[in-house]
Amino acid sequence: MKSPKITKKSNISESGVRRIIGVDPGLASTGWGVVELQGQRILHIAHGSIETEACLPRPERLFIIYSQFKDLLHLYNPTEAAIETLYFAKNVTSALPVAEARGVVSMALAERGLRVREFTPMAIKQAVVGRGSAGKEQVQELVRLILGLETIPKPDHAADALGAALCSAHTPIFIDA
């Protein structure tokens, strides 16, 4: 069977605007945040999270993430996506559900033909705060300040997703070429 050809959309719309969806995947909570880069201005569009209940079977939880994320892509129509790379730390078992959530998000992005840029947690901290060793609270506060929000985005996963989107906005496109 021949696989379908997926063409990546341009990162820049005809108006020169980049709309970036950042994602912090997780099985219980997948954070998302949308920003728009208009020249040198970065605007906050929206943020939130997709929550799944622990009592549901894992396949159902993954389907909820997949279908709700597809709805978000349709609603906000991003031109690109940014996602944090997996960080296994000490417990590989807990990383597996995150990897599965990341997989269904990646599938939804591929279906839309979006370019997906991946960033390490250190790269995101560096882009947002200016230090790769910054703490979570520092990153969240800087996300709030950069986007001109009154409060730190909640839940934490949404703030992390906005951080990934800001990292993509601050990283020149030609680096991926």
C-alpha atoms as a PDB file:
ATOM      1  CA  MET A   1       0.000   0.000   0.000  1.00  0.00           C
ATOM      2  CA  LYS A   2       1.327   3.387  -0.954  1.00  0.00           C
ATOM      3  CA  SER A   3       1.377   5.930   1.880  1.00  0.00           C
ATOM      4  CA  PRO A   4      -0.256   9.314   1.344  1.00  0.00           C
ATOM      5  CA  LYS A   5       2.008  12.246   0.621  1.00  0.00           C
ATOM      6  CA  ILE A   6       1.975  14.877   3.340  1.00  0.00           C
ATOM      7  CA  THR A   7       2.980  18.342   2.279  1.00  0.00           C
ATOM      8  CA  LYS A   8       4.137  20.781   4.897  1.00  0.00           C
ATOM      9  CA  LYS A   9       2.430  24.145   4.855  1.00  0.00           C
ATOM     10  CA  SER A  10       4.501  27.282   4.768  1.00  0.00           C
ATOM     11  CA  ASN A  11       5.207  28.725   8.198  1.00  0.00           C
ATOM     12  CA  ILE A  12       4.148  32.171   7.093  1.00  0.00           C
ATOM     13  CA  SER A  13       0.687  33.111   5.907  1.00  0.00           C
ATOM     14  CA  GLU A  14       0.196  35.358   2.895  1.00  0.00           C
ATOM     15  CA  SER A  15       0.001  38.336   5.275  1.00  0.00           C
ATOM     16  CA  GLY A  16       3.396  37.470   6.794  1.00  0.00           C
ATOM     17  CA  VAL A  17       1.826  36.283  10.046  1.00  0.00           C
ATOM     18  CA  ARG A  18       2.920  33.125  11.858  1.00  0.00           C
ATOM     19  CA  ARG A  19       0.278  31.518  14.075  1.00  0.00           C
ATOM     20  CA  ILE A  20       1.933  28.985  16.343  1.00  0.00           C
ATOM     21  CA  ILE A  21       0.292  26.365  18.521  1.00  0.00           C
ATOM     22  CA  GLY A  22       2.468  25.139  21.355  1.00  0.00           C
ATOM     23  CA  VAL A  23       1.763  21.800  22.980  1.00  0.00           C
ATOM     24  CA  ASP A  24       2.741  20.244  26.304  1.00  0.00           C
ATOM     25  CA  PRO A  25       1.418  16.705  25.904  1.00  0.00           C
ATOM     26  CA  GLY A  26       0.271  14.504  28.746  1.00  0.00           C
ATOM     27  CA  LEU A  27      -2.309  11.783  29.220  1.00  0.00           C
ATOM     28  CA  ALA A  28      -4.115  13.464  32.127  1.00  0.00           C
ATOM     29  CA  SER A  29      -3.638  17.003  30.819  1.00  0.00           C
ATOM     30  CA  THR A  30      -2.421  18.160  27.420  1.00  0.00           C
ATOM     31  CA  GLY A  31      -1.653  21.858  27.550  1.00  0.00           C
ATOM     32  CA  TRP A  32      -1.969  24.027  24.473  1.00  0.00           C
ATOM     33  CA  GLY A  33      -1.367  27.668  23.683  1.00  0.00           C
ATOM     34  CA  VAL A  34      -1.701  29.737  20.540  1.00  0.00           C
ATOM     35  CA  VAL A  35       0.343  32.848  19.785  1.00  0.00           C
ATOM     36  CA  GLU A  36       0.624  34.958  16.687  1.00  0.00           C
ATOM     37  CA  LEU A  37       3.812  36.561  15.440  1.00  0.00           C
ATOM     38  CA  GLN A  38       3.103  39.745  13.496  1.00  0.00           C
ATOM     39  CA  GLY A  39       6.455  41.205  12.527  1.00  0.00           C
ATOM     40  CA  GLN A  40       8.145  41.807  15.883  1.00  0.00           C
ATOM     41  CA  ARG A  41       4.896  41.649  17.893  1.00  0.00           C
ATOM     42  CA  ILE A  42       3.809  38.453  19.622  1.00  0.00           C
ATOM     43  CA  LEU A  43       0.133  38.276  20.509  1.00  0.00           C
ATOM     44  CA  HIS A  44      -1.606  35.835  22.820  1.00  0.00           C
ATOM     45  CA  ILE A  45      -4.549  34.222  21.036  1.00  0.00           C
ATOM     46  CA  ALA A  46      -5.744  31.515  23.444  1.00  0.00           C
ATOM     47  CA  HIS A  47      -4.619  28.765  25.794  1.00  0.00           C
ATOM     48  CA  GLY A  48      -6.050  25.876  27.762  1.00  0.00           C
ATOM     49  CA  SER A  49      -5.786  22.169  28.330  1.00  0.00           C
ATOM     50  CA  ILE A  50      -7.438  18.957  27.289  1.00  0.00           C
ATOM     51  CA  GLU A  51      -8.209  16.932  30.409  1.00  0.00           C
ATOM     52  CA  THR A  52      -8.943  13.222  30.558  1.00  0.00           C
ATOM     53  CA  GLU A  53     -10.240  11.218  33.488  1.00  0.00           C
ATOM     54  CA  ALA A  54      -8.003   8.562  35.023  1.00  0.00           C
ATOM     55  CA  CYS A  55     -10.945   6.146  35.317  1.00  0.00           C
ATOM     56  CA  LEU A  56     -11.249   5.888  31.520  1.00  0.00           C
ATOM     57  CA  PRO A  57      -9.340   3.257  29.540  1.00  0.00           C
ATOM     58  CA  ARG A  58      -6.153   4.604  27.968  1.00  0.00           C
ATOM     59  CA  PRO A  59      -7.393   4.232  24.347  1.00  0.00           C
ATOM     60  CA  GLU A  60     -10.450   6.372  25.154  1.00  0.00           C
ATOM     61  CA  ARG A  61      -8.272   8.999  26.819  1.00  0.00           C
ATOM     62  CA  LEU A  62      -6.005   9.125  23.782  1.00  0.00           C
ATOM     63  CA  PHE A  63      -9.001   9.444  21.473  1.00  0.00           C
ATOM     64  CA  ILE A  64     -10.318  12.361  23.556  1.00  0.00           C
ATOM     65  CA  ILE A  65      -6.961  14.132  23.236  1.00  0.00           C
ATOM     66  CA  TYR A  66      -6.803  13.431  19.510  1.00  0.00           C
ATOM     67  CA  SER A  67     -10.340  14.566  18.686  1.00  0.00           C
ATOM     68  CA  GLN A  68     -10.299  17.669  20.909  1.00  0.00           C
ATOM     69  CA  PHE A  69      -6.878  18.671  19.601  1.00  0.00           C
ATOM     70  CA  LYS A  70      -8.118  18.328  16.017  1.00  0.00           C
ATOM     71  CA  ASP A  71     -10.995  20.658  16.949  1.00  0.00           C
ATOM     72  CA  LEU A  72      -8.482  23.195  18.291  1.00  0.00           C
ATOM     73  CA  LEU A  73      -6.477  23.023  15.072  1.00  0.00           C
ATOM     74  CA  HIS A  74      -9.635  23.682  13.088  1.00  0.00           C
ATOM     75  CA  LEU A  75     -10.681  26.555  15.370  1.00  0.00           C
ATOM     76  CA  TYR A  76      -7.340  28.391  15.548  1.00  0.00           C
ATOM     77  CA  ASN A  77      -5.852  27.358  12.185  1.00  0.00           C
ATOM     78  CA  PRO A  78      -2.163  27.557  13.142  1.00  0.00           C
ATOM     79  CA  THR A  79       0.559  27.769  10.509  1.00  0.00           C
ATOM     80  CA  GLU A  80       3.039  25.766  12.612  1.00  0.00           C
ATOM     81  CA  ALA A  81       3.390  23.858  15.864  1.00  0.00           C
ATOM     82  CA  ALA A  82       5.922  23.647  18.671  1.00  0.00           C
ATOM     83  CA  ILE A  83       6.197  20.742  21.066  1.00  0.00           C
ATOM     84  CA  GLU A  84       8.531  19.978  23.926  1.00  0.00           C
ATOM     85  CA  THR A  85      10.761  16.951  23.441  1.00  0.00           C
ATOM     86  CA  LEU A  86      10.221  14.070  25.825  1.00  0.00           C
ATOM     87  CA  TYR A  87      12.221  14.171  29.003  1.00  0.00           C
ATOM     88  CA  PHE A  88      12.434  10.750  30.634  1.00  0.00           C
ATOM     89  CA  ALA A  89      14.120  11.765  33.900  1.00  0.00           C
ATOM     90  CA  LYS A  90      14.184   8.690  36.150  1.00  0.00           C
ATOM     91  CA  ASN A  91      10.877   6.979  35.461  1.00  0.00           C
ATOM     92  CA  VAL A  92      10.491   5.625  31.932  1.00  0.00           C
ATOM     93  CA  THR A  93       7.151   4.014  32.869  1.00  0.00           C
ATOM     94  CA  SER A  94       5.532   7.400  33.510  1.00  0.00           C
ATOM     95  CA  ALA A  95       6.963   8.701  30.219  1.00  0.00           C
ATOM     96  CA  LEU A  96       5.101   6.101  28.149  1.00  0.00           C
ATOM     97  CA  PRO A  97       1.617   7.644  28.528  1.00  0.00           C
ATOM     98  CA  VAL A  98       3.128  11.051  27.734  1.00  0.00           C
ATOM     99  CA  ALA A  99       4.719   9.576  24.613  1.00  0.00           C
ATOM    100  CA  GLU A 100       1.359   8.141  23.551  1.00  0.00           C
ATOM    101  CA  ALA A 101      -0.351  11.519  24.057  1.00  0.00           C
ATOM    102  CA  ARG A 102       2.446  13.150  22.097  1.00  0.00           C
ATOM    103  CA  GLY A 103       1.870  10.600  19.349  1.00  0.00           C
ATOM    104  CA  VAL A 104      -1.821  11.375  18.885  1.00  0.00           C
ATOM    105  CA  VAL A 105      -1.090  15.122  18.925  1.00  0.00           C
ATOM    106  CA  SER A 106       1.650  14.601  16.335  1.00  0.00           C
ATOM    107  CA  MET A 107      -0.746  12.578  14.190  1.00  0.00           C
ATOM    108  CA  ALA A 108      -3.327  15.390  14.249  1.00  0.00           C
ATOM    109  CA  LEU A 109      -0.629  17.899  13.278  1.00  0.00           C
ATOM    110  CA  ALA A 110       0.593  15.654  10.445  1.00  0.00           C
ATOM    111  CA  GLU A 111      -2.956  15.304   9.114  1.00  0.00           C
ATOM    112  CA  ARG A 112      -3.076  19.089   8.725  1.00  0.00           C
ATOM    113  CA  GLY A 113       0.344  19.127   7.085  1.00  0.00           C
ATOM    114  CA  LEU A 114       1.795  21.425   9.726  1.00  0.00           C
ATOM    115  CA  ARG A 115       5.495  21.773  10.355  1.00  0.00           C
ATOM    116  CA  VAL A 116       6.255  20.615  13.866  1.00  0.00           C
ATOM    117  CA  ARG A 117       9.268  22.090  15.620  1.00  0.00           C
ATOM    118  CA  GLU A 118      10.590  20.258  18.670  1.00  0.00           C
ATOM    119  CA  PHE A 119      12.440  21.976  21.489  1.00  0.00           C
ATOM    120  CA  THR A 120      14.155  20.691  24.608  1.00  0.00           C
ATOM    121  CA  PRO A 121      12.988  22.038  27.972  1.00  0.00           C
ATOM    122  CA  MET A 122      16.343  23.856  28.219  1.00  0.00           C
ATOM    123  CA  ALA A 123      15.858  25.532  24.811  1.00  0.00           C
ATOM    124  CA  ILE A 124      12.373  26.709  25.821  1.00  0.00           C
ATOM    125  CA  LYS A 125      13.680  28.149  29.098  1.00  0.00           C
ATOM    126  CA  GLN A 126      16.532  29.841  27.227  1.00  0.00           C
ATOM    127  CA  ALA A 127      14.149  31.413  24.694  1.00  0.00           C
ATOM    128  CA  VAL A 128      11.638  32.623  27.283  1.00  0.00           C
ATOM    129  CA  VAL A 129      13.816  33.564  30.276  1.00  0.00           C
ATOM    130  CA  GLY A 130      17.310  33.801  28.813  1.00  0.00           C
ATOM    131  CA  ARG A 131      18.673  31.004  31.024  1.00  0.00           C
ATOM    132  CA  GLY A 132      18.359  27.292  30.331  1.00  0.00           C
ATOM    133  CA  SER A 133      18.428  26.591  34.058  1.00  0.00           C
ATOM    134  CA  ALA A 134      15.441  28.822  34.873  1.00  0.00           C
ATOM    135  CA  GLY A 135      12.801  27.487  37.241  1.00  0.00           C
ATOM    136  CA  LYS A 136       9.231  26.663  36.259  1.00  0.00           C
ATOM    137  CA  GLU A 137       7.866  29.724  38.103  1.00  0.00           C
ATOM    138  CA  GLN A 138      10.275  32.035  36.258  1.00  0.00           C
ATOM    139  CA  VAL A 139       9.209  30.627  32.905  1.00  0.00           C
ATOM    140  CA  GLN A 140       5.522  31.025  33.752  1.00  0.00           C
ATOM    141  CA  GLU A 141       5.997  34.627  34.921  1.00  0.00           C
ATOM    142  CA  LEU A 142       7.972  35.553  31.804  1.00  0.00           C
ATOM    143  CA  VAL A 143       5.313  33.937  29.581  1.00  0.00           C
ATOM    144  CA  ARG A 144       2.773  36.160  31.370  1.00  0.00           C
ATOM    145  CA  LEU A 145       4.889  39.293  30.891  1.00  0.00           C
ATOM    146  CA  ILE A 146       5.852  38.638  27.264  1.00  0.00           C
ATOM    147  CA  LEU A 147       2.228  38.041  26.291  1.00  0.00           C
ATOM    148  CA  GLY A 148       0.855  40.903  28.417  1.00  0.00           C
ATOM    149  CA  LEU A 149      -1.437  38.663  30.451  1.00  0.00           C
ATOM    150  CA  GLU A 150      -2.873  39.745  33.793  1.00  0.00           C
ATOM    151  CA  THR A 151      -2.205  36.396  35.442  1.00  0.00           C
ATOM    152  CA  ILE A 152       0.024  33.392  34.865  1.00  0.00           C
ATOM    153  CA  PRO A 153      -1.699  31.063  32.378  1.00  0.00           C
ATOM    154  CA  LYS A 154      -3.390  28.116  34.053  1.00  0.00           C
ATOM    155  CA  PRO A 155      -3.123  25.211  34.205  1.00  0.00           C
ATOM    156  CA  ASP A 156       0.672  24.830  34.303  1.00  0.00           C
ATOM    157  CA  HIS A 157       0.602  22.698  31.153  1.00  0.00           C
ATOM    158  CA  ALA A 158      -0.962  25.592  29.214  1.00  0.00           C
ATOM    159  CA  ALA A 159       1.793  27.944  30.399  1.00  0.00           C
ATOM    160  CA  ASP A 160       4.385  25.372  29.303  1.00  0.00           C
ATOM    161  CA  ALA A 161       2.692  25.083  25.903  1.00  0.00           C
ATOM    162  CA  LEU A 162       2.767  28.867  25.486  1.00  0.00           C
ATOM    163  CA  GLY A 163       6.477  28.714  26.359  1.00  0.00           C
ATOM    164  CA  ALA A 164       7.028  26.229  23.525  1.00  0.00           C
ATOM    165  CA  ALA A 165       5.115  28.498  21.127  1.00  0.00           C
ATOM    166  CA  LEU A 166       7.223  31.495  22.222  1.00  0.00           C
ATOM    167  CA  CYS A 167      10.390  29.466  21.700  1.00  0.00           C
ATOM    168  CA  SER A 168       9.290  28.729  18.141  1.00  0.00           C
ATOM    169  CA  ALA A 169       8.442  32.394  17.581  1.00  0.00           C
ATOM    170  CA  HIS A 170      11.928  33.397  18.776  1.00  0.00           C
ATOM    171  CA  THR A 171      13.714  30.753  16.705  1.00  0.00           C
ATOM    172  CA  PRO A 172      14.291  31.714  13.066  1.00  0.00           C
ATOM    173  CA  ILE A 173      12.565  29.436  10.579  1.00  0.00           C
ATOM    174  CA  PHE A 174      15.728  28.898   8.529  1.00  0.00           C
ATOM    175  CA  ILE A 175      17.254  26.940  11.423  1.00  0.00           C
ATOM    176  CA  ASP A 176      14.936  24.051  10.431  1.00  0.00           C
ATOM    177  CA  ALA A 177      15.874  24.202   6.758  1.00  0.00           C
END
